[in-house]
Full PDB file with SEQRES, HELIX, SHEET, SSBOND, CRYST1, ORIGX, SCALE, CONECT and MASTER records, all heavy atoms in Angstrom:
SEQRES   1 A   37  PRO ARG HIS ALA VAL VAL ILE GLY SER TYR ARG GLY PHE          
SEQRES   2 A   37  VAL PRO LEU VAL LEU GLY ARG ALA PHE GLN ASP ASN GLY          
SEQRES   3 A   37  GLU HIS GLY ARG VAL THR PHE VAL ASP PRO SER                  
HELIX    1 AA1 PHE A   13  ASN A   25  1                                  13    
SHEET    1 AA1 2 HIS A   3  ILE A   7  0                                        
SHEET    2 AA1 2 ARG A  30  VAL A  34  1                                        
CRYST1    1.000    1.000    1.000  90.00  90.00  90.00 P 1           1          
ORIGX1      1.000000  0.000000  0.000000        0.00000                         
ORIGX2      0.000000  1.000000  0.000000        0.00000                         
ORIGX3      0.000000  0.000000  1.000000        0.00000                         
SCALE1      1.000000  0.000000  0.000000        0.00000                         
SCALE2      0.000000  1.000000  0.000000        0.00000                         
SCALE3      0.000000  0.000000  1.000000        0.00000                         
ATOM      1  N   PRO A   1      -2.486 -23.353  29.567  1.00  0.00           N  
ATOM      2  CA  PRO A   1      -2.034 -23.536  28.184  1.00  0.00           C  
ATOM      3  C   PRO A   1      -0.844 -22.650  27.880  1.00  0.00           C  
ATOM      4  O   PRO A   1      -0.606 -21.651  28.563  1.00  0.00           O  
ATOM      5  CB  PRO A   1      -3.254 -23.116  27.365  1.00  0.00           C  
ATOM      6  CG  PRO A   1      -3.914 -22.094  28.215  1.00  0.00           C  
ATOM      7  CD  PRO A   1      -3.685 -22.521  29.644  1.00  0.00           C  
ATOM      8  N   ARG A   2      -0.118 -23.007  26.871  1.00  0.00           N  
ATOM      9  CA  ARG A   2       0.980 -22.156  26.421  1.00  0.00           C  
ATOM     10  C   ARG A   2       0.510 -21.144  25.376  1.00  0.00           C  
ATOM     11  O   ARG A   2       1.233 -20.200  25.075  1.00  0.00           O  
ATOM     12  CB  ARG A   2       2.102 -23.021  25.846  1.00  0.00           C  
ATOM     13  CG  ARG A   2       2.748 -23.956  26.875  1.00  0.00           C  
ATOM     14  CD  ARG A   2       3.367 -23.165  28.015  1.00  0.00           C  
ATOM     15  NE  ARG A   2       3.925 -24.015  29.042  1.00  0.00           N  
ATOM     16  CZ  ARG A   2       5.172 -24.457  29.049  1.00  0.00           C  
ATOM     17  NH1 ARG A   2       5.979 -24.124  28.060  1.00  0.00           N  
ATOM     18  NH2 ARG A   2       5.607 -25.220  30.025  1.00  0.00           N  
ATOM     19  N   HIS A   3      -0.705 -21.364  24.838  1.00  0.00           N  
ATOM     20  CA  HIS A   3      -1.147 -20.508  23.749  1.00  0.00           C  
ATOM     21  C   HIS A   3      -2.667 -20.379  23.765  1.00  0.00           C  
ATOM     22  O   HIS A   3      -3.381 -21.370  23.916  1.00  0.00           O  
ATOM     23  CB  HIS A   3      -0.699 -21.093  22.414  1.00  0.00           C  
ATOM     24  CG  HIS A   3      -0.843 -20.148  21.263  1.00  0.00           C  
ATOM     25  ND1 HIS A   3      -0.770 -20.562  19.958  1.00  0.00           N  
ATOM     26  CD2 HIS A   3      -1.074 -18.805  21.211  1.00  0.00           C  
ATOM     27  CE1 HIS A   3      -0.942 -19.520  19.163  1.00  0.00           C  
ATOM     28  NE2 HIS A   3      -1.132 -18.453  19.903  1.00  0.00           N  
ATOM     29  N   ALA A   4      -3.152 -19.164  23.637  1.00  0.00           N  
ATOM     30  CA  ALA A   4      -4.574 -18.891  23.488  1.00  0.00           C  
ATOM     31  C   ALA A   4      -4.785 -18.051  22.238  1.00  0.00           C  
ATOM     32  O   ALA A   4      -3.922 -17.248  21.861  1.00  0.00           O  
ATOM     33  CB  ALA A   4      -5.123 -18.149  24.707  1.00  0.00           C  
ATOM     34  N   VAL A   5      -5.934 -18.237  21.609  1.00  0.00           N  
ATOM     35  CA  VAL A   5      -6.330 -17.428  20.456  1.00  0.00           C  
ATOM     36  C   VAL A   5      -7.620 -16.709  20.814  1.00  0.00           C  
ATOM     37  O   VAL A   5      -8.587 -17.336  21.259  1.00  0.00           O  
ATOM     38  CB  VAL A   5      -6.533 -18.286  19.194  1.00  0.00           C  
ATOM     39  CG1 VAL A   5      -7.128 -17.445  18.059  1.00  0.00           C  
ATOM     40  CG2 VAL A   5      -5.214 -18.910  18.752  1.00  0.00           C  
ATOM     41  N   VAL A   6      -7.629 -15.396  20.638  1.00  0.00           N  
ATOM     42  CA  VAL A   6      -8.822 -14.582  20.884  1.00  0.00           C  
ATOM     43  C   VAL A   6      -9.224 -13.933  19.572  1.00  0.00           C  
ATOM     44  O   VAL A   6      -8.429 -13.222  18.945  1.00  0.00           O  
ATOM     45  CB  VAL A   6      -8.555 -13.498  21.943  1.00  0.00           C  
ATOM     46  CG1 VAL A   6      -9.806 -12.626  22.121  1.00  0.00           C  
ATOM     47  CG2 VAL A   6      -8.147 -14.124  23.264  1.00  0.00           C  
ATOM     48  N   ILE A   7     -10.458 -14.171  19.147  1.00  0.00           N  
ATOM     49  CA  ILE A   7     -10.976 -13.591  17.913  1.00  0.00           C  
ATOM     50  C   ILE A   7     -11.970 -12.501  18.276  1.00  0.00           C  
ATOM     51  O   ILE A   7     -13.057 -12.773  18.780  1.00  0.00           O  
ATOM     52  CB  ILE A   7     -11.650 -14.665  17.045  1.00  0.00           C  
ATOM     53  CG1 ILE A   7     -10.657 -15.772  16.690  1.00  0.00           C  
ATOM     54  CG2 ILE A   7     -12.230 -14.042  15.774  1.00  0.00           C  
ATOM     55  CD1 ILE A   7     -11.276 -16.966  16.017  1.00  0.00           C  
ATOM     56  N   GLY A   8     -11.562 -11.258  18.081  1.00  0.00           N  
ATOM     57  CA  GLY A   8     -12.424 -10.127  18.340  1.00  0.00           C  
ATOM     58  C   GLY A   8     -12.388  -9.655  19.778  1.00  0.00           C  
ATOM     59  O   GLY A   8     -12.381 -10.460  20.703  1.00  0.00           O  
ATOM     60  N   SER A   9     -12.346  -8.332  19.955  1.00  0.00           N  
ATOM     61  CA  SER A   9     -12.442  -7.730  21.285  1.00  0.00           C  
ATOM     62  C   SER A   9     -12.571  -6.234  21.103  1.00  0.00           C  
ATOM     63  O   SER A   9     -11.736  -5.614  20.435  1.00  0.00           O  
ATOM     64  CB  SER A   9     -11.224  -8.045  22.144  1.00  0.00           C  
ATOM     65  OG  SER A   9     -11.376  -7.514  23.451  1.00  0.00           O  
ATOM     66  N   TYR A  10     -13.588  -5.647  21.709  1.00  0.00           N  
ATOM     67  CA  TYR A  10     -13.851  -4.218  21.508  1.00  0.00           C  
ATOM     68  C   TYR A  10     -12.685  -3.367  21.994  1.00  0.00           C  
ATOM     69  O   TYR A  10     -12.162  -2.535  21.263  1.00  0.00           O  
ATOM     70  CB  TYR A  10     -15.146  -3.837  22.210  1.00  0.00           C  
ATOM     71  CG  TYR A  10     -15.516  -2.383  22.069  1.00  0.00           C  
ATOM     72  CD1 TYR A  10     -15.736  -1.819  20.809  1.00  0.00           C  
ATOM     73  CD2 TYR A  10     -15.641  -1.565  23.190  1.00  0.00           C  
ATOM     74  CE1 TYR A  10     -16.068  -0.477  20.671  1.00  0.00           C  
ATOM     75  CE2 TYR A  10     -15.983  -0.218  23.055  1.00  0.00           C  
ATOM     76  CZ  TYR A  10     -16.193   0.315  21.800  1.00  0.00           C  
ATOM     77  OH  TYR A  10     -16.521   1.645  21.670  1.00  0.00           O  
ATOM     78  N   ARG A  11     -12.262  -3.589  23.244  1.00  0.00           N  
ATOM     79  CA  ARG A  11     -11.141  -2.824  23.794  1.00  0.00           C  
ATOM     80  C   ARG A  11     -10.108  -3.721  24.477  1.00  0.00           C  
ATOM     81  O   ARG A  11      -9.309  -3.250  25.271  1.00  0.00           O  
ATOM     82  CB  ARG A  11     -11.648  -1.758  24.778  1.00  0.00           C  
ATOM     83  CG  ARG A  11     -12.411  -0.605  24.103  1.00  0.00           C  
ATOM     84  CD  ARG A  11     -11.498   0.209  23.212  1.00  0.00           C  
ATOM     85  NE  ARG A  11     -12.170   1.366  22.609  1.00  0.00           N  
ATOM     86  CZ  ARG A  11     -12.653   1.397  21.376  1.00  0.00           C  
ATOM     87  NH1 ARG A  11     -12.561   0.312  20.601  1.00  0.00           N  
ATOM     88  NH2 ARG A  11     -13.232   2.488  20.901  1.00  0.00           N  
ATOM     89  N   GLY A  12     -10.137  -5.011  24.168  1.00  0.00           N  
ATOM     90  CA  GLY A  12      -9.058  -5.886  24.621  1.00  0.00           C  
ATOM     91  C   GLY A  12      -9.258  -6.532  25.971  1.00  0.00           C  
ATOM     92  O   GLY A  12      -8.289  -7.048  26.552  1.00  0.00           O  
ATOM     93  N   PHE A  13     -10.489  -6.552  26.486  1.00  0.00           N  
ATOM     94  CA  PHE A  13     -10.724  -7.101  27.825  1.00  0.00           C  
ATOM     95  C   PHE A  13     -10.254  -8.551  27.935  1.00  0.00           C  
ATOM     96  O   PHE A  13      -9.481  -8.903  28.847  1.00  0.00           O  
ATOM     97  CB  PHE A  13     -12.217  -6.997  28.167  1.00  0.00           C  
ATOM     98  CG  PHE A  13     -12.583  -7.588  29.513  1.00  0.00           C  
ATOM     99  CD1 PHE A  13     -12.147  -7.005  30.687  1.00  0.00           C  
ATOM    100  CD2 PHE A  13     -13.367  -8.734  29.592  1.00  0.00           C  
ATOM    101  CE1 PHE A  13     -12.478  -7.539  31.933  1.00  0.00           C  
ATOM    102  CE2 PHE A  13     -13.714  -9.274  30.825  1.00  0.00           C  
ATOM    103  CZ  PHE A  13     -13.271  -8.685  31.992  1.00  0.00           C  
ATOM    104  N   VAL A  14     -10.682  -9.409  27.032  1.00  0.00           N  
ATOM    105  CA  VAL A  14     -10.324 -10.832  27.129  1.00  0.00           C  
ATOM    106  C   VAL A  14      -8.831 -11.062  26.873  1.00  0.00           C  
ATOM    107  O   VAL A  14      -8.183 -11.780  27.647  1.00  0.00           O  
ATOM    108  CB  VAL A  14     -11.201 -11.688  26.197  1.00  0.00           C  
ATOM    109  CG1 VAL A  14     -10.752 -13.155  26.227  1.00  0.00           C  
ATOM    110  CG2 VAL A  14     -12.666 -11.586  26.610  1.00  0.00           C  
ATOM    111  N   PRO A  15      -8.225 -10.483  25.833  1.00  0.00           N  
ATOM    112  CA  PRO A  15      -6.769 -10.645  25.692  1.00  0.00           C  
ATOM    113  C   PRO A  15      -5.999 -10.177  26.918  1.00  0.00           C  
ATOM    114  O   PRO A  15      -5.006 -10.803  27.310  1.00  0.00           O  
ATOM    115  CB  PRO A  15      -6.435  -9.804  24.458  1.00  0.00           C  
ATOM    116  CG  PRO A  15      -7.697  -9.727  23.687  1.00  0.00           C  
ATOM    117  CD  PRO A  15      -8.796  -9.729  24.704  1.00  0.00           C  
ATOM    118  N   LEU A  16      -6.462  -9.083  27.536  1.00  0.00           N  
ATOM    119  CA  LEU A  16      -5.786  -8.589  28.730  1.00  0.00           C  
ATOM    120  C   LEU A  16      -5.890  -9.569  29.893  1.00  0.00           C  
ATOM    121  O   LEU A  16      -4.890  -9.859  30.569  1.00  0.00           O  
ATOM    122  CB  LEU A  16      -6.380  -7.240  29.145  1.00  0.00           C  
ATOM    123  CG  LEU A  16      -5.892  -6.018  28.375  1.00  0.00           C  
ATOM    124  CD1 LEU A  16      -6.803  -4.824  28.632  1.00  0.00           C  
ATOM    125  CD2 LEU A  16      -4.460  -5.687  28.752  1.00  0.00           C  
ATOM    126  N   VAL A  17      -7.079 -10.096  30.130  1.00  0.00           N  
ATOM    127  CA  VAL A  17      -7.273 -11.027  31.238  1.00  0.00           C  
ATOM    128  C   VAL A  17      -6.460 -12.296  31.019  1.00  0.00           C  
ATOM    129  O   VAL A  17      -5.774 -12.781  31.937  1.00  0.00           O  
ATOM    130  CB  VAL A  17      -8.766 -11.362  31.410  1.00  0.00           C  
ATOM    131  CG1 VAL A  17      -8.952 -12.498  32.402  1.00  0.00           C  
ATOM    132  CG2 VAL A  17      -9.536 -10.131  31.890  1.00  0.00           C  
ATOM    133  N   LEU A  18      -6.504 -12.839  29.806  1.00  0.00           N  
ATOM    134  CA  LEU A  18      -5.741 -14.057  29.530  1.00  0.00           C  
ATOM    135  C   LEU A  18      -4.240 -13.781  29.567  1.00  0.00           C  
ATOM    136  O   LEU A  18      -3.459 -14.591  30.089  1.00  0.00           O  
ATOM    137  CB  LEU A  18      -6.142 -14.633  28.170  1.00  0.00           C  
ATOM    138  CG  LEU A  18      -7.573 -15.148  28.050  1.00  0.00           C  
ATOM    139  CD1 LEU A  18      -7.806 -15.739  26.659  1.00  0.00           C  
ATOM    140  CD2 LEU A  18      -7.885 -16.194  29.119  1.00  0.00           C  
ATOM    141  N   GLY A  19      -3.828 -12.652  29.022  1.00  0.00           N  
ATOM    142  CA  GLY A  19      -2.410 -12.317  29.052  1.00  0.00           C  
ATOM    143  C   GLY A  19      -1.883 -12.197  30.465  1.00  0.00           C  
ATOM    144  O   GLY A  19      -0.795 -12.685  30.788  1.00  0.00           O  
ATOM    145  N   ARG A  20      -2.663 -11.565  31.362  1.00  0.00           N  
ATOM    146  CA  ARG A  20      -2.248 -11.452  32.755  1.00  0.00           C  
ATOM    147  C   ARG A  20      -2.201 -12.824  33.421  1.00  0.00           C  
ATOM    148  O   ARG A  20      -1.270 -13.130  34.186  1.00  0.00           O  
ATOM    149  CB  ARG A  20      -3.197 -10.525  33.507  1.00  0.00           C  
ATOM    150  CG  ARG A  20      -2.942 -10.437  35.008  1.00  0.00           C  
ATOM    151  CD  ARG A  20      -1.509 -10.025  35.321  1.00  0.00           C  
ATOM    152  NE  ARG A  20      -1.185  -8.731  34.828  1.00  0.00           N  
ATOM    153  CZ  ARG A  20      -1.376  -7.600  35.504  1.00  0.00           C  
ATOM    154  NH1 ARG A  20      -1.918  -7.613  36.695  1.00  0.00           N  
ATOM    155  NH2 ARG A  20      -1.008  -6.447  34.980  1.00  0.00           N  
ATOM    156  N   ALA A  21      -3.184 -13.672  33.137  1.00  0.00           N  
ATOM    157  CA  ALA A  21      -3.199 -15.017  33.717  1.00  0.00           C  
ATOM    158  C   ALA A  21      -1.984 -15.813  33.266  1.00  0.00           C  
ATOM    159  O   ALA A  21      -1.347 -16.514  34.070  1.00  0.00           O  
ATOM    160  CB  ALA A  21      -4.482 -15.739  33.333  1.00  0.00           C  
ATOM    161  N   PHE A  22      -1.628 -15.702  32.001  1.00  0.00           N  
ATOM    162  CA  PHE A  22      -0.460 -16.420  31.493  1.00  0.00           C  
ATOM    163  C   PHE A  22       0.811 -15.930  32.175  1.00  0.00           C  
ATOM    164  O   PHE A  22       1.702 -16.718  32.493  1.00  0.00           O  
ATOM    165  CB  PHE A  22      -0.347 -16.227  29.981  1.00  0.00           C  
ATOM    166  CG  PHE A  22      -1.293 -17.097  29.184  1.00  0.00           C  
ATOM    167  CD1 PHE A  22      -2.277 -17.847  29.797  1.00  0.00           C  
ATOM    168  CD2 PHE A  22      -1.192 -17.158  27.803  1.00  0.00           C  
ATOM    169  CE1 PHE A  22      -3.132 -18.646  29.066  1.00  0.00           C  
ATOM    170  CE2 PHE A  22      -2.041 -17.949  27.054  1.00  0.00           C  
ATOM    171  CZ  PHE A  22      -3.020 -18.694  27.683  1.00  0.00           C  
ATOM    172  N   GLN A  23       0.909 -14.617  32.381  1.00  0.00           N  
ATOM    173  CA  GLN A  23       2.084 -14.086  33.080  1.00  0.00           C  
ATOM    174  C   GLN A  23       2.127 -14.594  34.516  1.00  0.00           C  
ATOM    175  O   GLN A  23       3.199 -14.938  35.023  1.00  0.00           O  
ATOM    176  CB  GLN A  23       2.060 -12.560  33.034  1.00  0.00           C  
ATOM    177  CG  GLN A  23       2.341 -12.003  31.652  1.00  0.00           C  
ATOM    178  CD  GLN A  23       2.296 -10.495  31.552  1.00  0.00           C  
ATOM    179  OE1 GLN A  23       2.526  -9.926  30.496  1.00  0.00           O  
ATOM    180  NE2 GLN A  23       1.998  -9.819  32.638  1.00  0.00           N  
ATOM    181  N   ASP A  24       0.973 -14.664  35.152  1.00  0.00           N  
ATOM    182  CA  ASP A  24       0.926 -15.179  36.523  1.00  0.00           C  
ATOM    183  C   ASP A  24       1.262 -16.657  36.571  1.00  0.00           C  
ATOM    184  O   ASP A  24       1.787 -17.148  37.582  1.00  0.00           O  
ATOM    185  CB  ASP A  24      -0.459 -14.930  37.130  1.00  0.00           C  
ATOM    186  CG  ASP A  24      -0.729 -13.448  37.369  1.00  0.00           C  
ATOM    187  OD1 ASP A  24       0.230 -12.654  37.315  1.00  0.00           O  
ATOM    188  OD2 ASP A  24      -1.907 -13.087  37.598  1.00  0.00           O  
ATOM    189  N   ASN A  25       0.983 -17.386  35.493  1.00  0.00           N  
ATOM    190  CA  ASN A  25       1.369 -18.798  35.427  1.00  0.00           C  
ATOM    191  C   ASN A  25       2.888 -18.961  35.412  1.00  0.00           C  
ATOM    192  O   ASN A  25       3.413 -19.991  35.844  1.00  0.00           O  
ATOM    193  CB  ASN A  25       0.792 -19.462  34.176  1.00  0.00           C  
ATOM    194  CG  ASN A  25      -0.684 -19.804  34.306  1.00  0.00           C  
ATOM    195  OD1 ASN A  25      -1.236 -19.829  35.401  1.00  0.00           O  
ATOM    196  ND2 ASN A  25      -1.328 -20.064  33.175  1.00  0.00           N  
ATOM    197  N   GLY A  26       3.576 -17.971  34.866  1.00  0.00           N  
ATOM    198  CA  GLY A  26       5.036 -18.030  34.811  1.00  0.00           C  
ATOM    199  C   GLY A  26       5.565 -19.066  33.846  1.00  0.00           C  
ATOM    200  O   GLY A  26       6.683 -19.563  34.027  1.00  0.00           O  
ATOM    201  N   GLU A  27       4.796 -19.371  32.798  1.00  0.00           N  
ATOM    202  CA  GLU A  27       5.203 -20.432  31.865  1.00  0.00           C  
ATOM    203  C   GLU A  27       5.294 -19.933  30.427  1.00  0.00           C  
ATOM    204  O   GLU A  27       5.183 -20.708  29.481  1.00  0.00           O  
ATOM    205  CB  GLU A  27       4.226 -21.605  31.977  1.00  0.00           C  
ATOM    206  CG  GLU A  27       4.252 -22.254  33.362  1.00  0.00           C  
ATOM    207  CD  GLU A  27       3.147 -23.290  33.561  1.00  0.00           C  
ATOM    208  OE1 GLU A  27       2.299 -23.452  32.660  1.00  0.00           O  
ATOM    209  OE2 GLU A  27       3.144 -23.923  34.631  1.00  0.00           O  
ATOM    210  N   HIS A  28       5.472 -18.628  30.256  1.00  0.00           N  
ATOM    211  CA  HIS A  28       5.710 -18.016  28.945  1.00  0.00           C  
ATOM    212  C   HIS A  28       4.548 -18.250  27.972  1.00  0.00           C  
ATOM    213  O   HIS A  28       4.763 -18.385  26.764  1.00  0.00           O  
ATOM    214  CB  HIS A  28       7.011 -18.535  28.326  1.00  0.00           C  
ATOM    215  CG  HIS A  28       8.197 -18.411  29.231  1.00  0.00           C  
ATOM    216  ND1 HIS A  28       8.743 -17.196  29.582  1.00  0.00           N  
ATOM    217  CD2 HIS A  28       8.918 -19.359  29.903  1.00  0.00           C  
ATOM    218  CE1 HIS A  28       9.766 -17.389  30.402  1.00  0.00           C  
ATOM    219  NE2 HIS A  28       9.885 -18.687  30.625  1.00  0.00           N  
ATOM    220  N   GLY A  29       3.321 -18.285  28.487  1.00  0.00           N  
ATOM    221  CA  GLY A  29       2.161 -18.399  27.608  1.00  0.00           C  
ATOM    222  C   GLY A  29       1.971 -17.139  26.783  1.00  0.00           C  
ATOM    223  O   GLY A  29       2.376 -16.042  27.179  1.00  0.00           O  
ATOM    224  N   ARG A  30       1.349 -17.294  25.624  1.00  0.00           N  
ATOM    225  CA  ARG A  30       1.161 -16.141  24.735  1.00  0.00           C  
ATOM    226  C   ARG A  30      -0.260 -16.139  24.184  1.00  0.00           C  
ATOM    227  O   ARG A  30      -0.917 -17.179  24.084  1.00  0.00           O  
ATOM    228  CB  ARG A  30       2.181 -16.168  23.589  1.00  0.00           C  
ATOM    229  CG  ARG A  30       2.117 -17.416  22.727  1.00  0.00           C  
ATOM    230  CD  ARG A  30       3.338 -17.570  21.837  1.00  0.00           C  
ATOM    231  NE  ARG A  30       3.295 -18.821  21.087  1.00  0.00           N  
ATOM    232  CZ  ARG A  30       2.822 -18.932  19.864  1.00  0.00           C  
ATOM    233  NH1 ARG A  30       2.335 -17.864  19.239  1.00  0.00           N  
ATOM    234  NH2 ARG A  30       2.821 -20.090  19.239  1.00  0.00           N  
ATOM    235  N   VAL A  31      -0.701 -14.956  23.831  1.00  0.00           N  
ATOM    236  CA  VAL A  31      -2.046 -14.761  23.314  1.00  0.00           C  
ATOM    237  C   VAL A  31      -1.960 -14.223  21.892  1.00  0.00           C  
ATOM    238  O   VAL A  31      -1.314 -13.193  21.647  1.00  0.00           O  
ATOM    239  CB  VAL A  31      -2.847 -13.766  24.182  1.00  0.00           C  
ATOM    240  CG1 VAL A  31      -4.249 -13.562  23.599  1.00  0.00           C  
ATOM    241  CG2 VAL A  31      -2.926 -14.254  25.622  1.00  0.00           C  
ATOM    242  N   THR A  32      -2.582 -14.932  20.957  1.00  0.00           N  
ATOM    243  CA  THR A  32      -2.737 -14.435  19.593  1.00  0.00           C  
ATOM    244  C   THR A  32      -4.114 -13.791  19.493  1.00  0.00           C  
ATOM    245  O   THR A  32      -5.129 -14.435  19.744  1.00  0.00           O  
ATOM    246  CB  THR A  32      -2.614 -15.582  18.577  1.00  0.00           C  
ATOM    247  OG1 THR A  32      -1.267 -16.067  18.576  1.00  0.00           O  
ATOM    248  CG2 THR A  32      -2.964 -15.112  17.172  1.00  0.00           C  
ATOM    249  N   PHE A  33      -4.138 -12.525  19.153  1.00  0.00           N  
ATOM    250  CA  PHE A  33      -5.362 -11.727  19.136  1.00  0.00           C  
ATOM    251  C   PHE A  33      -5.647 -11.300  17.693  1.00  0.00           C  
ATOM    252  O   PHE A  33      -4.845 -10.600  17.077  1.00  0.00           O  
ATOM    253  CB  PHE A  33      -5.184 -10.519  20.058  1.00  0.00           C  
ATOM    254  CG  PHE A  33      -6.259  -9.484  19.975  1.00  0.00           C  
ATOM    255  CD1 PHE A  33      -7.601  -9.823  19.835  1.00  0.00           C  
ATOM    256  CD2 PHE A  33      -5.930  -8.129  20.071  1.00  0.00           C  
ATOM    257  CE1 PHE A  33      -8.584  -8.847  19.771  1.00  0.00           C  
ATOM    258  CE2 PHE A  33      -6.905  -7.150  20.024  1.00  0.00           C  
ATOM    259  CZ  PHE A  33      -8.233  -7.514  19.862  1.00  0.00           C  
ATOM    260  N   VAL A  34      -6.777 -11.747  17.163  1.00  0.00           N  
ATOM    261  CA  VAL A  34      -7.148 -11.481  15.770  1.00  0.00           C  
ATOM    262  C   VAL A  34      -8.347 -10.536  15.748  1.00  0.00           C  
ATOM    263  O   VAL A  34      -9.430 -10.901  16.223  1.00  0.00           O  
ATOM    264  CB  VAL A  34      -7.479 -12.793  15.027  1.00  0.00           C  
ATOM    265  CG1 VAL A  34      -7.869 -12.509  13.576  1.00  0.00           C  
ATOM    266  CG2 VAL A  34      -6.305 -13.762  15.098  1.00  0.00           C  
ATOM    267  N   ASP A  35      -8.155  -9.330  15.231  1.00  0.00           N  
ATOM    268  CA  ASP A  35      -9.249  -8.359  15.142  1.00  0.00           C  
ATOM    269  C   ASP A  35      -8.931  -7.373  14.022  1.00  0.00           C  
ATOM    270  O   ASP A  35      -7.894  -6.706  14.062  1.00  0.00           O  
ATOM    271  CB  ASP A  35      -9.431  -7.615  16.470  1.00  0.00           C  
ATOM    272  CG  ASP A  35     -10.688  -6.760  16.491  1.00  0.00           C  
ATOM    273  OD1 ASP A  35     -10.839  -5.898  15.603  1.00  0.00           O  
ATOM    274  OD2 ASP A  35     -11.526  -6.955  17.390  1.00  0.00           O  
ATOM    275  N   PRO A  36      -9.797  -7.253  13.015  1.00  0.00           N  
ATOM    276  CA  PRO A  36      -9.516  -6.369  11.878  1.00  0.00           C  
ATOM    277  C   PRO A  36      -9.806  -4.898  12.139  1.00  0.00           C  
ATOM    278  O   PRO A  36      -9.598  -4.065  11.256  1.00  0.00           O  
ATOM    279  CB  PRO A  36     -10.449  -6.898  10.788  1.00  0.00           C  
ATOM    280  CG  PRO A  36     -11.614  -7.465  11.543  1.00  0.00           C  
ATOM    281  CD  PRO A  36     -11.033  -8.041  12.816  1.00  0.00           C  
ATOM    282  N   SER A  37     -10.280  -4.560  13.330  1.00  0.00           N  
ATOM    283  CA  SER A  37     -10.582  -3.176  13.716  1.00  0.00           C  
ATOM    284  C   SER A  37     -11.647  -2.564  12.806  1.00  0.00           C  
ATOM    285  O   SER A  37     -11.510  -1.435  12.321  1.00  0.00           O  
ATOM    286  CB  SER A  37      -9.316  -2.307  13.691  1.00  0.00           C  
ATOM    287  OG  SER A  37      -9.464  -1.164  14.514  1.00  0.00           O  
TER     288      SER A  37                                                      
MASTER        0    0    0    1    2    0    0    6  287    1    0    3          
END                                                                             
């Protein structure tokens, strides 16, 4: 995908994994991370 949305993450594990996967895809994918802390 070109875009993922992550709602909630204690220390960013899922945004980090998806962000790295998108970079490895080489297709400029981005992650929107929503967390009110």
